[in-house]
N, C-alpha and C. Protein backbone atom coordinates (compact mmCIF):
# COMPACT_ATOMS: atom_id res chain seq x y z
N MET A 1 86.48 132.50 68.32
CA MET A 1 86.43 133.47 69.38
C MET A 1 86.60 132.73 70.72
N PRO A 2 87.60 133.04 71.51
CA PRO A 2 87.81 132.34 72.78
C PRO A 2 86.75 132.72 73.81
N SER A 3 86.49 131.77 74.67
CA SER A 3 85.51 132.04 75.73
C SER A 3 86.19 132.81 76.85
N GLY A 4 85.41 133.57 77.61
CA GLY A 4 85.96 134.38 78.67
C GLY A 4 85.98 133.70 80.01
N MET A 5 85.58 132.41 80.09
CA MET A 5 85.49 131.73 81.38
C MET A 5 86.64 130.75 81.60
N GLY A 6 87.60 130.69 80.73
CA GLY A 6 88.76 129.83 80.93
C GLY A 6 88.45 128.36 80.81
N GLY A 7 87.45 127.98 80.03
CA GLY A 7 87.11 126.58 79.82
C GLY A 7 86.19 126.00 80.87
N LEU A 8 85.72 126.79 81.81
CA LEU A 8 84.80 126.30 82.83
C LEU A 8 83.38 126.25 82.27
N VAL A 9 82.68 125.20 82.61
CA VAL A 9 81.31 125.04 82.15
C VAL A 9 80.40 125.09 83.36
N ARG A 10 79.35 125.87 83.28
CA ARG A 10 78.40 125.98 84.39
C ARG A 10 77.09 125.32 83.98
N TYR A 11 76.57 124.49 84.85
CA TYR A 11 75.30 123.83 84.63
C TYR A 11 74.31 124.35 85.67
N PHE A 12 73.17 124.80 85.23
CA PHE A 12 72.19 125.36 86.14
C PHE A 12 71.12 124.34 86.52
N ASP A 13 71.00 123.27 85.77
CA ASP A 13 70.02 122.23 86.09
C ASP A 13 70.69 121.21 87.01
N GLU A 14 70.30 121.23 88.27
CA GLU A 14 70.85 120.26 89.21
C GLU A 14 70.00 119.01 89.18
N TYR A 15 70.67 117.87 89.27
CA TYR A 15 69.97 116.59 89.26
C TYR A 15 69.51 116.27 90.67
N LYS A 16 68.24 116.02 90.83
CA LYS A 16 67.67 115.63 92.12
C LYS A 16 67.28 114.16 92.05
N SER A 17 67.90 113.36 92.91
CA SER A 17 67.60 111.94 92.93
C SER A 17 66.27 111.69 93.64
N LYS A 18 65.54 110.71 93.16
CA LYS A 18 64.27 110.34 93.79
C LYS A 18 64.49 109.45 95.00
N ILE A 19 65.67 108.83 95.07
CA ILE A 19 66.00 107.93 96.17
C ILE A 19 66.93 108.68 97.13
N LYS A 20 66.52 108.80 98.37
CA LYS A 20 67.35 109.47 99.36
C LYS A 20 67.55 108.55 100.56
N PHE A 21 68.78 108.44 101.02
CA PHE A 21 69.12 107.60 102.16
C PHE A 21 69.59 108.49 103.30
N LYS A 22 69.19 108.13 104.50
CA LYS A 22 69.71 108.79 105.69
C LYS A 22 71.00 108.08 106.09
N PRO A 23 71.90 108.76 106.78
CA PRO A 23 73.16 108.11 107.19
C PRO A 23 72.94 106.88 108.06
N GLY A 24 71.90 106.88 108.89
CA GLY A 24 71.61 105.72 109.73
C GLY A 24 71.26 104.49 108.91
N HIS A 25 70.56 104.71 107.80
CA HIS A 25 70.20 103.58 106.93
C HIS A 25 71.44 102.96 106.29
N ILE A 26 72.40 103.78 105.93
CA ILE A 26 73.63 103.26 105.32
C ILE A 26 74.43 102.45 106.34
N ILE A 27 74.49 102.92 107.58
CA ILE A 27 75.22 102.20 108.62
C ILE A 27 74.56 100.85 108.89
N ILE A 28 73.23 100.82 108.95
CA ILE A 28 72.50 99.56 109.17
C ILE A 28 72.72 98.62 108.00
N LEU A 29 72.69 99.14 106.78
CA LEU A 29 72.90 98.30 105.60
C LEU A 29 74.30 97.69 105.62
N CYS A 30 75.31 98.47 105.98
CA CYS A 30 76.67 97.95 106.07
C CYS A 30 76.78 96.87 107.14
N ALA A 31 76.13 97.08 108.28
CA ALA A 31 76.17 96.08 109.35
C ALA A 31 75.50 94.78 108.91
N VAL A 32 74.39 94.88 108.19
CA VAL A 32 73.70 93.68 107.70
C VAL A 32 74.57 92.94 106.69
N VAL A 33 75.23 93.66 105.80
CA VAL A 33 76.11 93.01 104.82
C VAL A 33 77.27 92.32 105.53
N ILE A 34 77.84 92.96 106.55
CA ILE A 34 78.94 92.33 107.30
C ILE A 34 78.46 91.07 108.01
N LEU A 35 77.28 91.11 108.61
CA LEU A 35 76.74 89.92 109.28
C LEU A 35 76.48 88.79 108.29
N ILE A 36 75.95 89.11 107.12
CA ILE A 36 75.72 88.07 106.10
C ILE A 36 77.04 87.47 105.65
N MET A 37 78.06 88.31 105.46
CA MET A 37 79.36 87.79 105.04
C MET A 37 79.98 86.90 106.12
N LEU A 38 79.88 87.30 107.38
CA LEU A 38 80.40 86.46 108.46
C LEU A 38 79.67 85.13 108.53
N PHE A 39 78.35 85.15 108.35
CA PHE A 39 77.58 83.92 108.35
C PHE A 39 78.00 83.01 107.20
N LEU A 40 78.18 83.59 106.02
CA LEU A 40 78.56 82.77 104.87
C LEU A 40 79.98 82.24 105.00
N TYR A 41 80.91 83.03 105.56
CA TYR A 41 82.26 82.52 105.78
C TYR A 41 82.27 81.37 106.78
N THR A 42 81.37 81.44 107.75
CA THR A 42 81.34 80.41 108.79
C THR A 42 80.59 79.16 108.34
N TYR A 43 79.39 79.34 107.78
CA TYR A 43 78.52 78.20 107.47
C TYR A 43 78.29 78.00 105.98
N GLY A 44 78.91 78.76 105.13
CA GLY A 44 78.64 78.70 103.69
C GLY A 44 78.98 77.37 103.05
N ASN A 45 80.13 76.81 103.41
CA ASN A 45 80.53 75.54 102.80
C ASN A 45 79.56 74.42 103.14
N SER A 46 79.08 74.38 104.37
CA SER A 46 78.14 73.31 104.73
C SER A 46 76.77 73.55 104.11
N LEU A 47 76.41 74.77 103.80
CA LEU A 47 75.12 75.05 103.18
C LEU A 47 75.08 74.57 101.74
N ILE A 48 76.20 74.68 101.01
CA ILE A 48 76.18 74.27 99.61
C ILE A 48 76.75 72.88 99.41
N GLY A 49 77.14 72.20 100.48
CA GLY A 49 77.52 70.79 100.40
C GLY A 49 78.99 70.53 100.19
N ILE A 50 79.85 71.53 100.26
CA ILE A 50 81.29 71.32 100.13
C ILE A 50 81.87 71.07 101.51
N ARG A 51 82.69 70.04 101.64
CA ARG A 51 83.26 69.72 102.95
C ARG A 51 84.71 70.04 102.98
């Protein structure tokens, strides 16, 4: 017997994450990652002893 919804599936249980981030936190996290990468590109070789 074919379904009358054209193959669409509806889910009524929405998943609610316990971890929520504000947009400002994501921007700060990206800035921190960029600063760490710049530091490592600049001083990384001397920190691990490669010349």
